[in-house]
N, C-alpha and C. Protein backbone atom coordinates (compact mmCIF):
# COMPACT_ATOMS: atom_id res chain seq x y z
N MET A 1 -6.85 48.11 -3.44
CA MET A 1 -5.61 47.45 -3.06
C MET A 1 -5.68 45.99 -3.50
N SER A 2 -4.71 45.56 -4.25
CA SER A 2 -4.71 44.19 -4.74
C SER A 2 -3.88 43.30 -3.82
N ALA A 3 -4.34 42.08 -3.70
CA ALA A 3 -3.62 41.12 -2.86
C ALA A 3 -2.46 40.54 -3.66
N VAL A 4 -1.30 40.58 -3.07
CA VAL A 4 -0.11 40.02 -3.70
C VAL A 4 0.18 38.69 -3.02
N ARG A 5 0.21 37.66 -3.80
CA ARG A 5 0.48 36.34 -3.25
C ARG A 5 1.97 36.13 -3.13
N GLU A 6 2.39 35.70 -1.96
CA GLU A 6 3.81 35.43 -1.76
C GLU A 6 4.20 34.17 -2.52
N GLU A 7 5.42 34.16 -2.99
CA GLU A 7 5.93 32.98 -3.69
C GLU A 7 6.04 31.83 -2.71
N LEU A 8 5.70 30.65 -3.18
CA LEU A 8 5.79 29.47 -2.34
C LEU A 8 7.25 29.13 -2.04
N THR A 9 7.48 28.60 -0.87
CA THR A 9 8.83 28.18 -0.51
C THR A 9 9.15 26.88 -1.24
N PHE A 10 10.41 26.51 -1.22
CA PHE A 10 10.84 25.26 -1.83
C PHE A 10 10.06 24.10 -1.21
N GLN A 11 9.93 24.10 0.11
CA GLN A 11 9.24 23.01 0.79
C GLN A 11 7.76 22.95 0.39
N GLN A 12 7.12 24.09 0.27
CA GLN A 12 5.71 24.11 -0.15
C GLN A 12 5.55 23.58 -1.57
N ARG A 13 6.47 23.95 -2.46
CA ARG A 13 6.41 23.43 -3.83
C ARG A 13 6.68 21.93 -3.84
N ALA A 14 7.64 21.50 -3.01
CA ALA A 14 7.97 20.07 -2.94
C ALA A 14 6.77 19.26 -2.45
N VAL A 15 6.02 19.80 -1.51
CA VAL A 15 4.83 19.11 -1.02
C VAL A 15 3.82 18.92 -2.15
N LEU A 16 3.60 19.96 -2.94
CA LEU A 16 2.65 19.87 -4.06
C LEU A 16 3.07 18.81 -5.07
N TRP A 17 4.35 18.84 -5.46
CA TRP A 17 4.86 17.86 -6.42
C TRP A 17 4.84 16.46 -5.80
N GLY A 18 5.13 16.36 -4.51
CA GLY A 18 5.11 15.07 -3.82
C GLY A 18 3.72 14.46 -3.78
N GLN A 19 2.72 15.31 -3.57
CA GLN A 19 1.34 14.82 -3.57
C GLN A 19 0.96 14.30 -4.95
N ALA A 20 1.36 15.01 -5.99
CA ALA A 20 1.08 14.55 -7.35
C ALA A 20 1.78 13.21 -7.61
N TYR A 21 3.04 13.11 -7.19
CA TYR A 21 3.80 11.87 -7.38
C TYR A 21 3.12 10.71 -6.66
N GLU A 22 2.65 10.97 -5.45
CA GLU A 22 1.99 9.92 -4.67
C GLU A 22 0.73 9.41 -5.36
N ILE A 23 -0.08 10.32 -5.87
CA ILE A 23 -1.30 9.94 -6.58
C ILE A 23 -0.96 9.11 -7.81
N LEU A 24 0.02 9.56 -8.57
CA LEU A 24 0.40 8.85 -9.79
C LEU A 24 1.03 7.49 -9.50
N THR A 25 1.78 7.39 -8.42
CA THR A 25 2.36 6.10 -8.02
C THR A 25 1.27 5.13 -7.61
N LYS A 26 0.31 5.61 -6.86
CA LYS A 26 -0.79 4.75 -6.43
C LYS A 26 -1.60 4.26 -7.63
N ARG A 27 -1.70 5.09 -8.67
CA ARG A 27 -2.40 4.65 -9.88
C ARG A 27 -1.66 3.46 -10.51
N GLY A 28 -0.33 3.48 -10.47
CA GLY A 28 0.45 2.36 -10.97
C GLY A 28 0.22 1.10 -10.15
N VAL A 29 0.14 1.25 -8.84
CA VAL A 29 -0.14 0.13 -7.95
C VAL A 29 -1.51 -0.46 -8.29
N LEU A 30 -2.51 0.41 -8.40
CA LEU A 30 -3.86 -0.06 -8.71
C LEU A 30 -3.93 -0.76 -10.07
N ALA A 31 -3.22 -0.22 -11.05
CA ALA A 31 -3.22 -0.84 -12.38
C ALA A 31 -2.65 -2.25 -12.31
N CYS A 32 -1.60 -2.43 -11.55
CA CYS A 32 -1.00 -3.76 -11.42
C CYS A 32 -1.97 -4.72 -10.72
N LEU A 33 -2.59 -4.24 -9.64
CA LEU A 33 -3.54 -5.09 -8.91
C LEU A 33 -4.72 -5.49 -9.79
N LEU A 34 -5.19 -4.55 -10.61
CA LEU A 34 -6.29 -4.86 -11.53
C LEU A 34 -5.84 -5.87 -12.59
N GLU A 35 -4.65 -5.67 -13.12
CA GLU A 35 -4.15 -6.57 -14.17
C GLU A 35 -3.98 -7.99 -13.65
N LYS A 36 -3.59 -8.10 -12.38
CA LYS A 36 -3.39 -9.43 -11.79
C LYS A 36 -4.67 -9.99 -11.18
N ASN A 37 -5.79 -9.29 -11.40
CA ASN A 37 -7.10 -9.69 -10.87
C ASN A 37 -7.11 -9.82 -9.35
N LEU A 38 -6.29 -9.03 -8.69
CA LEU A 38 -6.29 -8.98 -7.23
C LEU A 38 -7.27 -7.93 -6.73
N LEU A 39 -7.80 -7.17 -7.67
CA LEU A 39 -8.77 -6.12 -7.38
C LEU A 39 -9.71 -6.06 -8.58
N THR A 40 -10.99 -5.89 -8.33
CA THR A 40 -11.95 -5.81 -9.43
C THR A 40 -12.24 -4.34 -9.73
N ARG A 41 -12.56 -4.07 -11.00
CA ARG A 41 -12.83 -2.69 -11.43
C ARG A 41 -14.03 -2.06 -10.72
N ASP A 42 -14.94 -2.89 -10.25
CA ASP A 42 -16.13 -2.35 -9.58
C ASP A 42 -15.97 -2.27 -8.07
N HIS A 43 -14.75 -2.48 -7.58
CA HIS A 43 -14.51 -2.39 -6.14
C HIS A 43 -14.85 -0.98 -5.66
N PRO A 44 -15.61 -0.85 -4.56
CA PRO A 44 -16.05 0.47 -4.11
C PRO A 44 -14.90 1.45 -3.80
N GLN A 45 -13.77 0.94 -3.36
CA GLN A 45 -12.66 1.83 -3.02
C GLN A 45 -11.96 2.40 -4.26
N LEU A 46 -12.29 1.90 -5.44
CA LEU A 46 -11.71 2.44 -6.67
C LEU A 46 -12.48 3.65 -7.19
N LYS A 47 -13.69 3.85 -6.71
CA LYS A 47 -14.52 4.93 -7.21
C LYS A 47 -13.83 6.30 -7.13
N PRO A 48 -13.22 6.68 -6.00
CA PRO A 48 -12.56 7.99 -5.95
C PRO A 48 -11.39 8.12 -6.94
N TRP A 49 -10.77 7.02 -7.27
CA TRP A 49 -9.62 7.07 -8.18
C TRP A 49 -10.02 7.34 -9.61
N ALA A 50 -11.26 7.07 -9.94
CA ALA A 50 -11.74 7.32 -11.30
C ALA A 50 -11.71 8.82 -11.63
N ALA A 51 -11.77 9.65 -10.61
CA ALA A 51 -11.80 11.11 -10.81
C ALA A 51 -10.42 11.69 -11.07
N PHE A 52 -9.38 10.96 -10.73
CA PHE A 52 -8.02 11.49 -10.87
C PHE A 52 -7.48 11.27 -12.27
N ARG A 53 -7.72 12.22 -13.11
CA ARG A 53 -7.18 12.21 -14.47
C ARG A 53 -5.90 13.03 -14.48
N LEU A 54 -5.03 12.72 -15.39
CA LEU A 54 -3.77 13.44 -15.50
C LEU A 54 -4.01 14.94 -15.71
N LEU A 55 -4.98 15.28 -16.51
CA LEU A 55 -5.29 16.68 -16.77
C LEU A 55 -5.71 17.39 -15.48
N GLU A 56 -6.45 16.70 -14.63
CA GLU A 56 -6.90 17.31 -13.37
C GLU A 56 -5.71 17.54 -12.43
N ILE A 57 -4.80 16.60 -12.40
CA ILE A 57 -3.60 16.76 -11.57
C ILE A 57 -2.80 17.96 -12.06
N ARG A 58 -2.66 18.08 -13.36
CA ARG A 58 -1.94 19.21 -13.96
C ARG A 58 -2.62 20.52 -13.62
N LYS A 59 -3.95 20.58 -13.75
CA LYS A 59 -4.69 21.81 -13.44
C LYS A 59 -4.51 22.21 -11.98
N ARG A 60 -4.58 21.23 -11.10
CA ARG A 60 -4.43 21.53 -9.67
C ARG A 60 -3.02 22.06 -9.36
N LEU A 61 -2.02 21.47 -9.99
CA LEU A 61 -0.65 21.96 -9.78
C LEU A 61 -0.48 23.39 -10.27
N VAL A 62 -0.96 23.65 -11.47
CA VAL A 62 -0.84 25.00 -12.05
C VAL A 62 -1.54 26.02 -11.15
N ARG A 63 -2.71 25.66 -10.67
CA ARG A 63 -3.47 26.56 -9.80
C ARG A 63 -2.74 26.75 -8.46
N ALA A 64 -2.29 25.66 -7.85
CA ALA A 64 -1.63 25.75 -6.55
C ALA A 64 -0.30 26.49 -6.64
N LEU A 65 0.41 26.31 -7.76
CA LEU A 65 1.69 27.00 -7.95
C LEU A 65 1.49 28.43 -8.43
N ASP A 66 0.25 28.80 -8.72
CA ASP A 66 -0.11 30.15 -9.16
C ASP A 66 0.64 30.55 -10.44
N ILE A 67 0.59 29.65 -11.42
CA ILE A 67 1.28 29.89 -12.69
C ILE A 67 0.29 30.41 -13.71
N VAL A 68 0.64 31.52 -14.35
CA VAL A 68 -0.23 32.09 -15.36
C VAL A 68 0.45 32.21 -16.73
N ASP A 69 1.75 32.21 -16.74
CA ASP A 69 2.51 32.33 -17.98
C ASP A 69 2.36 31.05 -18.81
N GLU A 70 1.98 31.21 -20.08
CA GLU A 70 1.74 30.05 -20.95
C GLU A 70 2.99 29.19 -21.15
N ASN A 71 4.16 29.82 -21.21
CA ASN A 71 5.40 29.05 -21.36
C ASN A 71 5.69 28.24 -20.10
N ALA A 72 5.45 28.83 -18.95
CA ALA A 72 5.66 28.11 -17.69
C ALA A 72 4.66 26.96 -17.57
N ILE A 73 3.43 27.18 -18.03
CA ILE A 73 2.42 26.12 -18.00
C ILE A 73 2.84 24.96 -18.90
N ALA A 74 3.44 25.27 -20.05
CA ALA A 74 3.93 24.22 -20.95
C ALA A 74 5.04 23.40 -20.28
N VAL A 75 5.88 24.05 -19.52
CA VAL A 75 6.94 23.34 -18.78
C VAL A 75 6.31 22.43 -17.74
N ILE A 76 5.30 22.93 -17.04
CA ILE A 76 4.60 22.12 -16.03
C ILE A 76 3.94 20.91 -16.71
N ASP A 77 3.32 21.14 -17.87
CA ASP A 77 2.69 20.04 -18.61
C ASP A 77 3.70 18.93 -18.90
N ALA A 78 4.86 19.31 -19.40
CA ALA A 78 5.90 18.32 -19.72
C ALA A 78 6.38 17.62 -18.45
N ALA A 79 6.53 18.38 -17.39
CA ALA A 79 7.01 17.79 -16.13
C ALA A 79 5.98 16.81 -15.56
N VAL A 80 4.71 17.17 -15.63
CA VAL A 80 3.66 16.28 -15.13
C VAL A 80 3.59 15.01 -15.96
N GLU A 81 3.73 15.14 -17.27
CA GLU A 81 3.70 13.95 -18.12
C GLU A 81 4.87 13.01 -17.79
N HIS A 82 6.04 13.58 -17.60
CA HIS A 82 7.22 12.78 -17.23
C HIS A 82 7.01 12.16 -15.85
N LEU A 83 6.52 12.95 -14.92
CA LEU A 83 6.26 12.46 -13.57
C LEU A 83 5.25 11.31 -13.60
N ALA A 84 4.22 11.46 -14.43
CA ALA A 84 3.20 10.42 -14.54
C ALA A 84 3.80 9.10 -15.03
N LEU A 85 4.65 9.17 -16.02
CA LEU A 85 5.27 7.95 -16.55
C LEU A 85 6.16 7.28 -15.51
N THR A 86 6.99 8.07 -14.85
CA THR A 86 7.93 7.47 -13.90
C THR A 86 7.22 7.00 -12.63
N ALA A 87 6.30 7.81 -12.11
CA ALA A 87 5.61 7.42 -10.87
C ALA A 87 4.73 6.20 -11.09
N PHE A 88 3.99 6.20 -12.19
CA PHE A 88 3.15 5.06 -12.52
C PHE A 88 4.02 3.80 -12.63
N GLY A 89 5.14 3.93 -13.32
CA GLY A 89 6.05 2.80 -13.48
C GLY A 89 6.61 2.30 -12.17
N VAL A 90 6.94 3.19 -11.27
CA VAL A 90 7.44 2.79 -9.95
C VAL A 90 6.36 2.04 -9.18
N GLY A 91 5.15 2.57 -9.17
CA GLY A 91 4.06 1.91 -8.46
C GLY A 91 3.75 0.54 -9.03
N TYR A 92 3.71 0.45 -10.34
CA TYR A 92 3.41 -0.81 -11.02
C TYR A 92 4.51 -1.83 -10.75
N THR A 93 5.76 -1.42 -10.93
CA THR A 93 6.89 -2.33 -10.77
C THR A 93 7.05 -2.80 -9.32
N ALA A 94 6.90 -1.87 -8.38
CA ALA A 94 7.05 -2.23 -6.97
C ALA A 94 5.97 -3.24 -6.56
N THR A 95 4.79 -3.10 -7.10
CA THR A 95 3.70 -4.02 -6.77
C THR A 95 3.92 -5.37 -7.46
N ARG A 96 4.39 -5.32 -8.67
CA ARG A 96 4.64 -6.55 -9.43
C ARG A 96 5.69 -7.41 -8.76
N GLU A 97 6.72 -6.77 -8.25
CA GLU A 97 7.81 -7.51 -7.63
C GLU A 97 7.39 -7.98 -6.27
């Protein structure tokens, strides 16, 4: 007997995308703080952030959303890239202002 995974609800999917957005926004905040020398690259609290690569965020989303179709994965890739640009920009700009 194989286990059938139920489709995630809209709210569950929104939580996953929201978590990705939050991580990417915080990266924009950190980039701005580093650029303005308000934070140093060797600060101990930056260590966990070094592990958050865009590819890792994409992999986690694909896995959590249980996507196996290559075309759907390509759509997720494009969405994550767009999300990364906008979220990073929001975090950077909000901190700069």
